[in-house]
Amino acid sequence: GTQVGPYAFIRPGTQIGDGCRVGDFVEMKNSTIGDGTKVSHLTYVGDSDLGKDINLGCGVVFVNYDGKAKNRSNTNLISPVSVGSGAYIAAGATVTKDIPDDALCIARARELIKEGWGKDRYKR
């Protein structure tokens, strides 16, 4: 039930779960992708662990090299950071701090985390 688009490059060490969607021109390396996760086109996921039912928008790049070592990471996420359950990251953000559950992170000129912003925002 997983779909992989044309020109996707799935490199060694990558495991993709059930019901996932990998878009066009996506590259994945040494990563685990949870069931139901969608990775849109023009995205790079390297050395990362993604949980279930995550939606990565177009053009997301996982920045996982700190100058000394590659780190496993979770929109530009500068490892090591952790993104809490139900958290949101604004488009164009470069994240350098952990984001708690249900928070909104806005990080263009500076990071602003609004705790509780995502709590009960979209009920299923």
PDB file of N, CA and C in Angstrom:
ATOM      1  N   GLY A   1       0.786  -1.209   0.000  1.00  0.00           N
ATOM      2  CA  GLY A   1       0.000   0.000   0.000  1.00  0.00           C
ATOM      3  C   GLY A   1       0.826   1.271   0.000  1.00  0.00           C
ATOM      4  N   THR A   2       2.148   1.148  -0.061  1.00  0.00           N
ATOM      5  CA  THR A   2       3.000   2.333  -0.124  1.00  0.00           C
ATOM      6  C   THR A   2       3.248   2.709  -1.573  1.00  0.00           C
ATOM      7  N   GLN A   3       3.224   4.014  -1.872  1.00  0.00           N
ATOM      8  CA  GLN A   3       3.473   4.508  -3.222  1.00  0.00           C
ATOM      9  C   GLN A   3       4.782   5.288  -3.243  1.00  0.00           C
ATOM     10  N   VAL A   4       5.605   5.021  -4.270  1.00  0.00           N
ATOM     11  CA  VAL A   4       6.872   5.728  -4.444  1.00  0.00           C
ATOM     12  C   VAL A   4       6.860   6.370  -5.818  1.00  0.00           C
ATOM     13  N   GLY A   5       7.046   7.698  -5.843  1.00  0.00           N
ATOM     14  CA  GLY A   5       6.978   8.451  -7.089  1.00  0.00           C
ATOM     15  C   GLY A   5       8.194   8.263  -7.967  1.00  0.00           C
ATOM     16  N   PRO A   6       8.085   8.739  -9.219  1.00  0.00           N
ATOM     17  CA  PRO A   6       9.212   8.628 -10.144  1.00  0.00           C
ATOM     18  C   PRO A   6      10.383   9.493  -9.669  1.00  0.00           C
ATOM     19  N   TYR A   7      11.548   9.043  -9.989  1.00  0.00           N
ATOM     20  CA  TYR A   7      12.804   9.723  -9.667  1.00  0.00           C
ATOM     21  C   TYR A   7      13.084   9.807  -8.168  1.00  0.00           C
ATOM     22  N   ALA A   8      12.380   9.016  -7.371  1.00  0.00           N
ATOM     23  CA  ALA A   8      12.709   8.924  -5.952  1.00  0.00           C
ATOM     24  C   ALA A   8      13.944   8.046  -5.822  1.00  0.00           C
ATOM     25  N   PHE A   9      14.828   8.391  -4.899  1.00  0.00           N
ATOM     26  CA  PHE A   9      16.072   7.663  -4.691  1.00  0.00           C
ATOM     27  C   PHE A   9      16.068   7.159  -3.254  1.00  0.00           C
ATOM     28  N   ILE A  10      15.836   5.855  -3.091  1.00  0.00           N
ATOM     29  CA  ILE A  10      15.788   5.227  -1.780  1.00  0.00           C
ATOM     30  C   ILE A  10      17.132   4.546  -1.549  1.00  0.00           C
ATOM     31  N   ARG A  11      17.959   5.157  -0.709  1.00  0.00           N
ATOM     32  CA  ARG A  11      19.318   4.672  -0.483  1.00  0.00           C
ATOM     33  C   ARG A  11      19.356   3.619   0.622  1.00  0.00           C
ATOM     34  N   PRO A  12      20.494   2.921   0.751  1.00  0.00           N
ATOM     35  CA  PRO A  12      20.613   1.848   1.739  1.00  0.00           C
ATOM     36  C   PRO A  12      20.286   2.299   3.162  1.00  0.00           C
ATOM     37  N   GLY A  13      19.740   1.366   3.922  1.00  0.00           N
ATOM     38  CA  GLY A  13      19.422   1.611   5.321  1.00  0.00           C
ATOM     39  C   GLY A  13      18.070   2.252   5.545  1.00  0.00           C
ATOM     40  N   THR A  14      17.285   2.425   4.493  1.00  0.00           N
ATOM     41  CA  THR A  14      15.977   3.063   4.617  1.00  0.00           C
ATOM     42  C   THR A  14      14.885   2.014   4.716  1.00  0.00           C
ATOM     43  N   GLN A  15      13.996   2.192   5.674  1.00  0.00           N
ATOM     44  CA  GLN A  15      12.835   1.317   5.840  1.00  0.00           C
ATOM     45  C   GLN A  15      11.591   2.181   5.769  1.00  0.00           C
ATOM     46  N   ILE A  16      10.668   1.845   4.877  1.00  0.00           N
ATOM     47  CA  ILE A  16       9.447   2.619   4.681  1.00  0.00           C
ATOM     48  C   ILE A  16       8.262   1.763   5.104  1.00  0.00           C
ATOM     49  N   GLY A  17       7.392   2.324   5.953  1.00  0.00           N
ATOM     50  CA  GLY A  17       6.253   1.591   6.498  1.00  0.00           C
ATOM     51  C   GLY A  17       5.125   1.397   5.502  1.00  0.00           C
ATOM     52  N   ASP A  18       4.017   0.872   5.998  1.00  0.00           N
ATOM     53  CA  ASP A  18       2.824   0.602   5.195  1.00  0.00           C
ATOM     54  C   ASP A  18       2.018   1.886   4.989  1.00  0.00           C
ATOM     55  N   GLY A  19       1.376   1.987   3.823  1.00  0.00           N
ATOM     56  CA  GLY A  19       0.477   3.096   3.549  1.00  0.00           C
ATOM     57  C   GLY A  19       1.164   4.448   3.434  1.00  0.00           C
ATOM     58  N   CYS A  20       2.444   4.451   3.097  1.00  0.00           N
ATOM     59  CA  CYS A  20       3.196   5.701   2.964  1.00  0.00           C
ATOM     60  C   CYS A  20       3.121   6.217   1.533  1.00  0.00           C
ATOM     61  N   ARG A  21       3.467   7.496   1.375  1.00  0.00           N
ATOM     62  CA  ARG A  21       3.572   8.079   0.042  1.00  0.00           C
ATOM     63  C   ARG A  21       4.885   8.844  -0.036  1.00  0.00           C
ATOM     64  N   VAL A  22       5.712   8.470  -1.016  1.00  0.00           N
ATOM     65  CA  VAL A  22       7.000   9.120  -1.265  1.00  0.00           C
ATOM     66  C   VAL A  22       6.879   9.803  -2.619  1.00  0.00           C
ATOM     67  N   GLY A  23       7.049  11.126  -2.656  1.00  0.00           N
ATOM     68  CA  GLY A  23       6.833  11.894  -3.874  1.00  0.00           C
ATOM     69  C   GLY A  23       7.983  11.847  -4.859  1.00  0.00           C
ATOM     70  N   ASP A  24       7.831  12.609  -5.940  1.00  0.00           N
ATOM     71  CA  ASP A  24       8.843  12.704  -6.988  1.00  0.00           C
ATOM     72  C   ASP A  24      10.093  13.430  -6.461  1.00  0.00           C
ATOM     73  N   PHE A  25      11.243  12.983  -6.904  1.00  0.00           N
ATOM     74  CA  PHE A  25      12.515  13.622  -6.589  1.00  0.00           C
ATOM     75  C   PHE A  25      12.788  13.684  -5.084  1.00  0.00           C
ATOM     76  N   VAL A  26      12.351  12.664  -4.356  1.00  0.00           N
ATOM     77  CA  VAL A  26      12.647  12.533  -2.933  1.00  0.00           C
ATOM     78  C   VAL A  26      13.873  11.644  -2.794  1.00  0.00           C
ATOM     79  N   GLU A  27      14.754  12.004  -1.878  1.00  0.00           N
ATOM     80  CA  GLU A  27      15.890  11.143  -1.566  1.00  0.00           C
ATOM     81  C   GLU A  27      15.824  10.796  -0.090  1.00  0.00           C
ATOM     82  N   MET A  28      15.994   9.488   0.196  1.00  0.00           N
ATOM     83  CA  MET A  28      15.998   9.000   1.573  1.00  0.00           C
ATOM     84  C   MET A  28      17.245   8.157   1.776  1.00  0.00           C
ATOM     85  N   LYS A  29      17.890   8.352   2.936  1.00  0.00           N
ATOM     86  CA  LYS A  29      19.086   7.585   3.252  1.00  0.00           C
ATOM     87  C   LYS A  29      19.073   7.214   4.728  1.00  0.00           C
ATOM     88  N   ASN A  30      19.293   5.955   5.012  1.00  0.00           N
ATOM     89  CA  ASN A  30      19.484   5.477   6.373  1.00  0.00           C
ATOM     90  C   ASN A  30      18.415   6.007   7.327  1.00  0.00           C
ATOM     91  N   SER A  31      17.151   5.885   6.937  1.00  0.00           N
ATOM     92  CA  SER A  31      16.054   6.434   7.723  1.00  0.00           C
ATOM     93  C   SER A  31      14.929   5.420   7.877  1.00  0.00           C
ATOM     94  N   THR A  32      14.125   5.621   8.908  1.00  0.00           N
ATOM     95  CA  THR A  32      12.947   4.810   9.139  1.00  0.00           C
ATOM     96  C   THR A  32      11.736   5.718   8.995  1.00  0.00           C
ATOM     97  N   ILE A  33      10.790   5.304   8.148  1.00  0.00           N
ATOM     98  CA  ILE A  33       9.593   6.082   7.867  1.00  0.00           C
ATOM     99  C   ILE A  33       8.392   5.302   8.392  1.00  0.00           C
ATOM    100  N   GLY A  34       7.657   5.879   9.337  1.00  0.00           N
ATOM    101  CA  GLY A  34       6.537   5.199   9.981  1.00  0.00           C
ATOM    102  C   GLY A  34       5.331   5.046   9.067  1.00  0.00           C
ATOM    103  N   ASP A  35       4.456   4.121   9.417  1.00  0.00           N
ATOM    104  CA  ASP A  35       3.251   3.842   8.642  1.00  0.00           C
ATOM    105  C   ASP A  35       2.434   5.116   8.413  1.00  0.00           C
ATOM    106  N   GLY A  36       1.912   5.271   7.202  1.00  0.00           N
ATOM    107  CA  GLY A  36       1.024   6.371   6.879  1.00  0.00           C
ATOM    108  C   GLY A  36       1.686   7.721   6.675  1.00  0.00           C
ATOM    109  N   THR A  37       3.009   7.778   6.745  1.00  0.00           N
ATOM    110  CA  THR A  37       3.724   9.051   6.591  1.00  0.00           C
ATOM    111  C   THR A  37       3.837   9.420   5.123  1.00  0.00           C
ATOM    112  N   LYS A  38       3.691  10.728   4.836  1.00  0.00           N
ATOM    113  CA  LYS A  38       3.777  11.242   3.468  1.00  0.00           C
ATOM    114  C   LYS A  38       4.977  12.168   3.363  1.00  0.00           C
ATOM    115  N   VAL A  39       5.807  11.920   2.357  1.00  0.00           N
ATOM    116  CA  VAL A  39       6.993  12.746   2.110  1.00  0.00           C
ATOM    117  C   VAL A  39       6.843  13.329   0.712  1.00  0.00           C
ATOM    118  N   SER A  40       6.546  14.639   0.640  1.00  0.00           N
ATOM    119  CA  SER A  40       6.272  15.291  -0.644  1.00  0.00           C
ATOM    120  C   SER A  40       7.524  15.425  -1.493  1.00  0.00           C
ATOM    121  N   HIS A  41       7.316  15.853  -2.731  1.00  0.00           N
ATOM    122  CA  HIS A  41       8.385  15.960  -3.710  1.00  0.00           C
ATOM    123  C   HIS A  41       9.465  16.966  -3.288  1.00  0.00           C
ATOM    124  N   LEU A  42      10.646  16.771  -3.875  1.00  0.00           N
ATOM    125  CA  LEU A  42      11.802  17.649  -3.654  1.00  0.00           C
ATOM    126  C   LEU A  42      12.220  17.706  -2.190  1.00  0.00           C
ATOM    127  N   THR A  43      12.268  16.557  -1.545  1.00  0.00           N
ATOM    128  CA  THR A  43      12.584  16.476  -0.122  1.00  0.00           C
ATOM    129  C   THR A  43      13.746  15.515   0.108  1.00  0.00           C
ATOM    130  N   TYR A  44      14.611  15.856   1.089  1.00  0.00           N
ATOM    131  CA  TYR A  44      15.719  14.980   1.474  1.00  0.00           C
ATOM    132  C   TYR A  44      15.535  14.582   2.929  1.00  0.00           C
ATOM    133  N   VAL A  45      15.501  13.257   3.173  1.00  0.00           N
ATOM    134  CA  VAL A  45      15.414  12.707   4.522  1.00  0.00           C
ATOM    135  C   VAL A  45      16.619  11.809   4.721  1.00  0.00           C
ATOM    136  N   GLY A  46      17.559  12.244   5.545  1.00  0.00           N
ATOM    137  CA  GLY A  46      18.763  11.451   5.784  1.00  0.00           C
ATOM    138  C   GLY A  46      19.003  11.224   7.258  1.00  0.00           C
ATOM    139  N   ASP A  47      19.374  10.002   7.606  1.00  0.00           N
ATOM    140  CA  ASP A  47      19.729   9.638   8.983  1.00  0.00           C
ATOM    141  C   ASP A  47      18.654  10.080   9.968  1.00  0.00           C
ATOM    142  N   SER A  48      17.403   9.716   9.692  1.00  0.00           N
ATOM    143  CA  SER A  48      16.281  10.204  10.493  1.00  0.00           C
ATOM    144  C   SER A  48      15.296   9.098  10.821  1.00  0.00           C
ATOM    145  N   ASP A  49      14.506   9.348  11.852  1.00  0.00           N
ATOM    146  CA  ASP A  49      13.423   8.461  12.250  1.00  0.00           C
ATOM    147  C   ASP A  49      12.139   9.266  12.263  1.00  0.00           C
ATOM    148  N   LEU A  50      11.212   8.932  11.351  1.00  0.00           N
ATOM    149  CA  LEU A  50       9.918   9.610  11.296  1.00  0.00           C
ATOM    150  C   LEU A  50       8.858   8.663  11.828  1.00  0.00           C
ATOM    151  N   GLY A  51       7.970   9.179  12.652  1.00  0.00           N
ATOM    152  CA  GLY A  51       6.902   8.365  13.226  1.00  0.00           C
ATOM    153  C   GLY A  51       5.764   8.128  12.251  1.00  0.00           C
ATOM    154  N   LYS A  52       4.607   7.740  12.795  1.00  0.00           N
ATOM    155  CA  LYS A  52       3.432   7.433  11.987  1.00  0.00           C
ATOM    156  C   LYS A  52       2.660   8.698  11.636  1.00  0.00           C
ATOM    157  N   ASP A  53       2.049   8.679  10.435  1.00  0.00           N
ATOM    158  CA  ASP A  53       1.100   9.709  10.001  1.00  0.00           C
ATOM    159  C   ASP A  53       1.669  11.128  10.021  1.00  0.00           C
ATOM    160  N   ILE A  54       2.933  11.269   9.631  1.00  0.00           N
ATOM    161  CA  ILE A  54       3.568  12.584   9.504  1.00  0.00           C
ATOM    162  C   ILE A  54       3.414  13.036   8.066  1.00  0.00           C
ATOM    163  N   ASN A  55       3.260  14.334   7.856  1.00  0.00           N
ATOM    164  CA  ASN A  55       3.171  14.884   6.507  1.00  0.00           C
ATOM    165  C   ASN A  55       4.294  15.902   6.331  1.00  0.00           C
ATOM    166  N   LEU A  56       5.319  15.547   5.533  1.00  0.00           N
ATOM    167  CA  LEU A  56       6.400  16.482   5.227  1.00  0.00           C
ATOM    168  C   LEU A  56       6.040  17.218   3.951  1.00  0.00           C
ATOM    169  N   GLY A  57       6.035  18.537   3.991  1.00  0.00           N
ATOM    170  CA  GLY A  57       5.729  19.339   2.817  1.00  0.00           C
ATOM    171  C   GLY A  57       6.870  19.323   1.816  1.00  0.00           C
ATOM    172  N   CYS A  58       6.617  19.899   0.669  1.00  0.00           N
ATOM    173  CA  CYS A  58       7.585  19.976  -0.415  1.00  0.00           C
ATOM    174  C   CYS A  58       8.821  20.758   0.019  1.00  0.00           C
ATOM    175  N   GLY A  59       9.986  20.266  -0.344  1.00  0.00           N
ATOM    176  CA  GLY A  59      11.233  20.998  -0.147  1.00  0.00           C
ATOM    177  C   GLY A  59      11.842  20.911   1.237  1.00  0.00           C
ATOM    178  N   VAL A  60      11.397  19.982   2.066  1.00  0.00           N
ATOM    179  CA  VAL A  60      11.980  19.828   3.399  1.00  0.00           C
ATOM    180  C   VAL A  60      13.354  19.169   3.268  1.00  0.00           C
ATOM    181  N   VAL A  61      14.332  19.710   3.978  1.00  0.00           N
ATOM    182  CA  VAL A  61      15.674  19.145   3.981  1.00  0.00           C
ATOM    183  C   VAL A  61      16.081  18.892   5.428  1.00  0.00           C
ATOM    184  N   PHE A  62      16.483  17.680   5.727  1.00  0.00           N
ATOM    185  CA  PHE A  62      16.962  17.344   7.056  1.00  0.00           C
ATOM    186  C   PHE A  62      18.448  17.674   7.117  1.00  0.00           C
ATOM    187  N   VAL A  63      18.805  18.658   7.948  1.00  0.00           N
ATOM    188  CA  VAL A  63      20.187  19.097   8.094  1.00  0.00           C
ATOM    189  C   VAL A  63      20.730  18.371   9.321  1.00  0.00           C
ATOM    190  N   ASN A  64      21.533  17.360   9.088  1.00  0.00           N
ATOM    191  CA  ASN A  64      21.899  16.484  10.198  1.00  0.00           C
ATOM    192  C   ASN A  64      23.393  16.425  10.489  1.00  0.00           C
ATOM    193  N   TYR A  65      24.174  17.333   9.934  1.00  0.00           N
ATOM    194  CA  TYR A  65      25.623  17.299  10.151  1.00  0.00           C
ATOM    195  C   TYR A  65      26.027  18.536  10.940  1.00  0.00           C
ATOM    196  N   ASP A  66      26.617  18.351  12.121  1.00  0.00           N
ATOM    197  CA  ASP A  66      26.977  19.481  12.970  1.00  0.00           C
ATOM    198  C   ASP A  66      28.432  19.925  12.807  1.00  0.00           C
ATOM    199  N   GLY A  67      29.090  19.419  11.787  1.00  0.00           N
ATOM    200  CA  GLY A  67      30.495  19.741  11.553  1.00  0.00           C
ATOM    201  C   GLY A  67      31.447  18.669  12.046  1.00  0.00           C
ATOM    202  N   LYS A  68      30.956  17.802  12.922  1.00  0.00           N
ATOM    203  CA  LYS A  68      31.779  16.719  13.460  1.00  0.00           C
ATOM    204  C   LYS A  68      31.149  15.357  13.221  1.00  0.00           C
ATOM    205  N   ALA A  69      29.847  15.298  13.369  1.00  0.00           N
ATOM    206  CA  ALA A  69      29.163  14.004  13.265  1.00  0.00           C
ATOM    207  C   ALA A  69      27.784  14.185  12.650  1.00  0.00           C
ATOM    208  N   LYS A  70      27.309  13.127  11.991  1.00  0.00           N
ATOM    209  CA  LYS A  70      25.929  13.108  11.513  1.00  0.00           C
ATOM    210  C   LYS A  70      25.058  12.651  12.672  1.00  0.00           C
ATOM    211  N   ASN A  71      23.946  13.342  12.841  1.00  0.00           N
ATOM    212  CA  ASN A  71      23.003  13.026  13.910  1.00  0.00           C
ATOM    213  C   ASN A  71      21.674  12.632  13.295  1.00  0.00           C
ATOM    214  N   ARG A  72      20.956  11.742  13.956  1.00  0.00           N
ATOM    215  CA  ARG A  72      19.616  11.406  13.479  1.00  0.00           C
ATOM    216  C   ARG A  72      18.708  12.552  13.870  1.00  0.00           C
ATOM    217  N   SER A  73      17.830  12.951  12.964  1.00  0.00           N
ATOM    218  CA  SER A  73      17.014  14.154  13.158  1.00  0.00           C
ATOM    219  C   SER A  73      15.539  13.909  12.912  1.00  0.00           C
ATOM    220  N   ASN A  74      14.799  14.774  13.284  1.00  0.00           N
ATOM    221  CA  ASN A  74      13.369  14.773  12.981  1.00  0.00           C
ATOM    222  C   ASN A  74      13.062  15.707  11.864  1.00  0.00           C
ATOM    223  N   THR A  75      11.585  20.701   8.412  1.00  0.00           N
ATOM    224  CA  THR A  75      11.749  21.863   7.708  1.00  0.00           C
ATOM    225  C   THR A  75      13.173  22.296   8.027  1.00  0.00           C
ATOM    226  N   ASN A  76      14.042  22.959   7.987  1.00  0.00           N
ATOM    227  CA  ASN A  76      15.429  22.639   8.307  1.00  0.00           C
ATOM    228  C   ASN A  76      15.519  22.377   9.806  1.00  0.00           C
ATOM    229  N   LEU A  77      15.789  21.178  10.176  1.00  0.00           N
ATOM    230  CA  LEU A  77      15.982  20.808  11.574  1.00  0.00           C
ATOM    231  C   LEU A  77      17.474  20.632  11.795  1.00  0.00           C
ATOM    232  N   ILE A  78      18.044  21.452  12.667  1.00  0.00           N
ATOM    233  CA  ILE A  78      19.471  21.364  12.955  1.00  0.00           C
ATOM    234  C   ILE A  78      19.637  20.409  14.136  1.00  0.00           C
ATOM    235  N   SER A  79      20.137  19.232  13.871  1.00  0.00           N
ATOM    236  CA  SER A  79      20.255  18.186  14.889  1.00  0.00           C
ATOM    237  C   SER A  79      21.267  18.581  15.960  1.00  0.00           C
ATOM    238  N   PRO A  80      21.104  18.069  17.154  1.00  0.00           N
ATOM    239  CA  PRO A  80      19.974  17.236  17.565  1.00  0.00           C
ATOM    240  C   PRO A  80      18.818  18.086  18.103  1.00  0.00           C
ATOM    241  N   VAL A  81      17.627  17.886  17.577  1.00  0.00           N
ATOM    242  CA  VAL A  81      16.408  18.493  18.106  1.00  0.00           C
ATOM    243  C   VAL A  81      15.328  17.430  18.165  1.00  0.00           C
ATOM    244  N   SER A  82      14.330  17.697  18.980  1.00  0.00           N
ATOM    245  CA  SER A  82      13.195  16.798  19.111  1.00  0.00           C
ATOM    246  C   SER A  82      11.929  17.605  18.863  1.00  0.00           C
ATOM    247  N   VAL A  83      11.006  17.030  18.083  1.00  0.00           N
ATOM    248  CA  VAL A  83       9.733  17.683  17.787  1.00  0.00           C
ATOM    249  C   VAL A  83       8.645  16.886  18.485  1.00  0.00           C
ATOM    250  N   GLY A  84       7.926  17.540  19.392  1.00  0.00           N
ATOM    251  CA  GLY A  84       6.919  16.873  20.202  1.00  0.00           C
ATOM    252  C   GLY A  84       5.684  16.475  19.403  1.00  0.00           C
ATOM    253  N   SER A  85       4.908  15.590  19.969  1.00  0.00           N
ATOM    254  CA  SER A  85       3.671  15.111  19.361  1.00  0.00           C
ATOM    255  C   SER A  85       2.691  16.264  19.205  1.00  0.00           C
ATOM    256  N   GLY A  86       2.097  16.390  18.017  1.00  0.00           N
ATOM    257  CA  GLY A  86       1.128  17.442  17.765  1.00  0.00           C
ATOM    258  C   GLY A  86       1.731  18.812  17.538  1.00  0.00           C
ATOM    259  N   ALA A  87       3.059  18.895  17.473  1.00  0.00           N
ATOM    260  CA  ALA A  87       3.730  20.182  17.261  1.00  0.00           C
ATOM    261  C   ALA A  87       3.663  20.576  15.793  1.00  0.00           C
ATOM    262  N   TYR A  88       3.742  21.877  15.518  1.00  0.00           N
ATOM    263  CA  TYR A  88       3.742  22.427  14.171  1.00  0.00           C
ATOM    264  C   TYR A  88       4.998  23.266  13.977  1.00  0.00           C
ATOM    265  N   ILE A  89       5.537  23.238  12.746  1.00  0.00           N
ATOM    266  CA  ILE A  89       6.693  24.052  12.391  1.00  0.00           C
ATOM    267  C   ILE A  89       6.289  24.916  11.211  1.00  0.00           C
ATOM    268  N   ALA A  90       6.450  26.244  11.335  1.00  0.00           N
ATOM    269  CA  ALA A  90       6.078  27.163  10.268  1.00  0.00           C
ATOM    270  C   ALA A  90       6.978  26.956   9.058  1.00  0.00           C
ATOM    271  N   ALA A  91       6.410  27.167   7.857  1.00  0.00           N
ATOM    272  CA  ALA A  91       7.168  27.012   6.613  1.00  0.00           C
ATOM    273  C   ALA A  91       8.386  27.930   6.632  1.00  0.00           C
ATOM    274  N   GLY A  92       9.514  27.403   6.183  1.00  0.00           N
ATOM    275  CA  GLY A  92      10.736  28.193   6.092  1.00  0.00           C
ATOM    276  C   GLY A  92      11.523  28.268   7.382  1.00  0.00           C
ATOM    277  N   ALA A  93      11.076  27.589   8.417  1.00  0.00           N
ATOM    278  CA  ALA A  93      11.749  27.661   9.711  1.00  0.00           C
ATOM    279  C   ALA A  93      13.035  26.846   9.714  1.00  0.00           C
ATOM    280  N   THR A  94      14.018  27.328  10.448  1.00  0.00           N
ATOM    281  CA  THR A  94      15.213  26.562  10.772  1.00  0.00           C
ATOM    282  C   THR A  94      15.179  26.368  12.280  1.00  0.00           C
ATOM    283  N   VAL A  95      15.005  25.138  12.704  1.00  0.00           N
ATOM    284  CA  VAL A  95      14.768  24.810  14.103  1.00  0.00           C
ATOM    285  C   VAL A  95      16.073  24.387  14.768  1.00  0.00           C
ATOM    286  N   THR A  96      16.394  25.031  15.897  1.00  0.00           N
ATOM    287  CA  THR A  96      17.616  24.706  16.634  1.00  0.00           C
ATOM    288  C   THR A  96      17.335  24.316  18.081  1.00  0.00           C
ATOM    289  N   LYS A  97      16.056  24.383  18.495  1.00  0.00           N
ATOM    290  CA  LYS A  97      15.671  24.059  19.872  1.00  0.00           C
ATOM    291  C   LYS A  97      14.586  22.991  19.849  1.00  0.00           C
ATOM    292  N   ASP A  98      14.505  22.202  20.919  1.00  0.00           N
ATOM    293  CA  ASP A  98      13.435  21.216  21.039  1.00  0.00           C
ATOM    294  C   ASP A  98      12.082  21.926  21.063  1.00  0.00           C
ATOM    295  N   ILE A  99      11.083  21.300  20.436  1.00  0.00           N
ATOM    296  CA  ILE A  99       9.733  21.858  20.383  1.00  0.00           C
ATOM    297  C   ILE A  99       8.831  20.933  21.191  1.00  0.00           C
ATOM    298  N   PRO A 100       8.172  21.473  22.234  1.00  0.00           N
ATOM    299  CA  PRO A 100       7.325  20.617  23.060  1.00  0.00           C
ATOM    300  C   PRO A 100       6.054  20.175  22.343  1.00  0.00           C
ATOM    301  N   ASP A 101       5.359  19.231  22.935  1.00  0.00           N
ATOM    302  CA  ASP A 101       4.087  18.738  22.408  1.00  0.00           C
ATOM    303  C   ASP A 101       3.136  19.913  22.163  1.00  0.00           C
ATOM    304  N   ASP A 102       2.406  19.845  21.047  1.00  0.00           N
ATOM    305  CA  ASP A 102       1.326  20.780  20.721  1.00  0.00           C
ATOM    306  C   ASP A 102       1.767  22.236  20.573  1.00  0.00           C
ATOM    307  N   ALA A 103       3.062  22.480  20.372  1.00  0.00           N
ATOM    308  CA  ALA A 103       3.571  23.847  20.234  1.00  0.00           C
ATOM    309  C   ALA A 103       3.661  24.240  18.764  1.00  0.00           C
ATOM    310  N   LEU A 104       3.732  25.537  18.505  1.00  0.00           N
ATOM    311  CA  LEU A 104       4.001  26.080  17.180  1.00  0.00           C
ATOM    312  C   LEU A 104       5.367  26.730  17.222  1.00  0.00           C
ATOM    313  N   CYS A 105       6.244  26.363  16.291  1.00  0.00           N
ATOM    314  CA  CYS A 105       7.582  26.954  16.190  1.00  0.00           C
ATOM    315  C   CYS A 105       7.625  27.829  14.941  1.00  0.00           C
ATOM    316  N   ILE A 106       7.923  29.114  15.131  1.00  0.00           N
ATOM    317  CA  ILE A 106       8.110  30.061  14.037  1.00  0.00           C
ATOM    318  C   ILE A 106       9.555  30.514  14.128  1.00  0.00           C
ATOM    319  N   ALA A 107      10.352  30.253  13.082  1.00  0.00           N
ATOM    320  CA  ALA A 107      11.791  30.535  13.190  1.00  0.00           C
ATOM    321  C   ALA A 107      12.345  31.042  11.874  1.00  0.00           C
ATOM    322  N   ARG A 108      12.023  32.260  11.556  1.00  0.00           N
ATOM    323  CA  ARG A 108      12.621  32.854  10.362  1.00  0.00           C
ATOM    324  C   ARG A 108      13.725  33.800  10.792  1.00  0.00           C
ATOM    325  N   ALA A 109      13.383  34.851  11.525  1.00  0.00           N
ATOM    326  CA  ALA A 109      14.396  35.755  12.052  1.00  0.00           C
ATOM    327  C   ALA A 109      14.860  35.272  13.419  1.00  0.00           C
ATOM    328  N   ARG A 110      13.924  34.773  14.200  1.00  0.00           N
ATOM    329  CA  ARG A 110      14.227  34.200  15.514  1.00  0.00           C
ATOM    330  C   ARG A 110      13.192  33.125  15.795  1.00  0.00           C
ATOM    331  N   GLU A 111      13.495  32.206  16.655  1.00  0.00           N
ATOM    332  CA  GLU A 111      12.551  31.143  16.985  1.00  0.00           C
ATOM    333  C   GLU A 111      11.558  31.627  18.017  1.00  0.00           C
ATOM    334  N   LEU A 112      10.306  31.291  17.802  1.00  0.00           N
ATOM    335  CA  LEU A 112       9.231  31.603  18.725  1.00  0.00           C
ATOM    336  C   LEU A 112       8.408  30.337  18.865  1.00  0.00           C
ATOM    337  N   ILE A 113       8.330  29.814  20.061  1.00  0.00           N
ATOM    338  CA  ILE A 113       7.576  28.591  20.311  1.00  0.00           C
ATOM    339  C   ILE A 113       6.360  28.948  21.156  1.00  0.00           C
ATOM    340  N   LYS A 114       5.175  28.661  20.630  1.00  0.00           N
ATOM    341  CA  LYS A 114       3.931  28.954  21.327  1.00  0.00           C
ATOM    342  C   LYS A 114       3.395  27.654  21.893  1.00  0.00           C
ATOM    343  N   GLU A 115       3.681  27.417  23.156  1.00  0.00           N
ATOM    344  CA  GLU A 115       3.260  26.177  23.788  1.00  0.00           C
ATOM    345  C   GLU A 115       1.740  26.077  23.813  1.00  0.00           C
ATOM    346  N   GLY A 116       1.248  24.879  23.562  1.00  0.00           N
ATOM    347  CA  GLY A 116      -0.177  24.602  23.579  1.00  0.00           C
ATOM    348  C   GLY A 116      -0.918  24.987  22.312  1.00  0.00           C
ATOM    349  N   TRP A 117      -0.258  25.610  21.346  1.00  0.00           N
ATOM    350  CA  TRP A 117      -0.892  26.111  20.126  1.00  0.00           C
ATOM    351  C   TRP A 117      -1.612  25.004  19.357  1.00  0.00           C
ATOM    352  N   GLY A 118      -1.043  23.817  19.290  1.00  0.00           N
ATOM    353  CA  GLY A 118      -1.624  22.741  18.487  1.00  0.00           C
ATOM    354  C   GLY A 118      -2.591  21.844  19.237  1.00  0.00           C
ATOM    355  N   LYS A 119      -2.711  22.026  20.543  1.00  0.00           N
ATOM    356  CA  LYS A 119      -3.564  21.139  21.337  1.00  0.00           C
ATOM    357  C   LYS A 119      -5.011  21.214  20.851  1.00  0.00           C
ATOM    358  N   ASP A 120      -5.550  20.100  20.484  1.00  0.00           N
ATOM    359  CA  ASP A 120      -6.938  19.956  20.028  1.00  0.00           C
ATOM    360  C   ASP A 120      -7.260  20.813  18.811  1.00  0.00           C
ATOM    361  N   ARG A 121      -6.255  21.251  18.056  1.00  0.00           N
ATOM    362  CA  ARG A 121      -6.478  22.118  16.896  1.00  0.00           C
ATOM    363  C   ARG A 121      -7.274  21.387  15.809  1.00  0.00           C
ATOM    364  N   TYR A 122      -6.906  20.160  15.543  1.00  0.00           N
ATOM    365  CA  TYR A 122      -7.620  19.367  14.527  1.00  0.00           C
ATOM    366  C   TYR A 122      -8.052  18.058  15.153  1.00  0.00           C
ATOM    367  N   LYS A 123      -9.292  17.995  15.506  1.00  0.00           N
ATOM    368  CA  LYS A 123      -9.825  16.744  16.064  1.00  0.00           C
ATOM    369  C   LYS A 123     -10.277  15.866  14.930  1.00  0.00           C
ATOM    370  N   ARG A 124     -10.020  14.579  15.033  1.00  0.00           N
ATOM    371  CA  ARG A 124     -10.413  13.633  13.982  1.00  0.00           C
ATOM    372  C   ARG A 124     -11.816  13.186  14.176  1.00  0.00           C
TER     373      ARG A 124
END
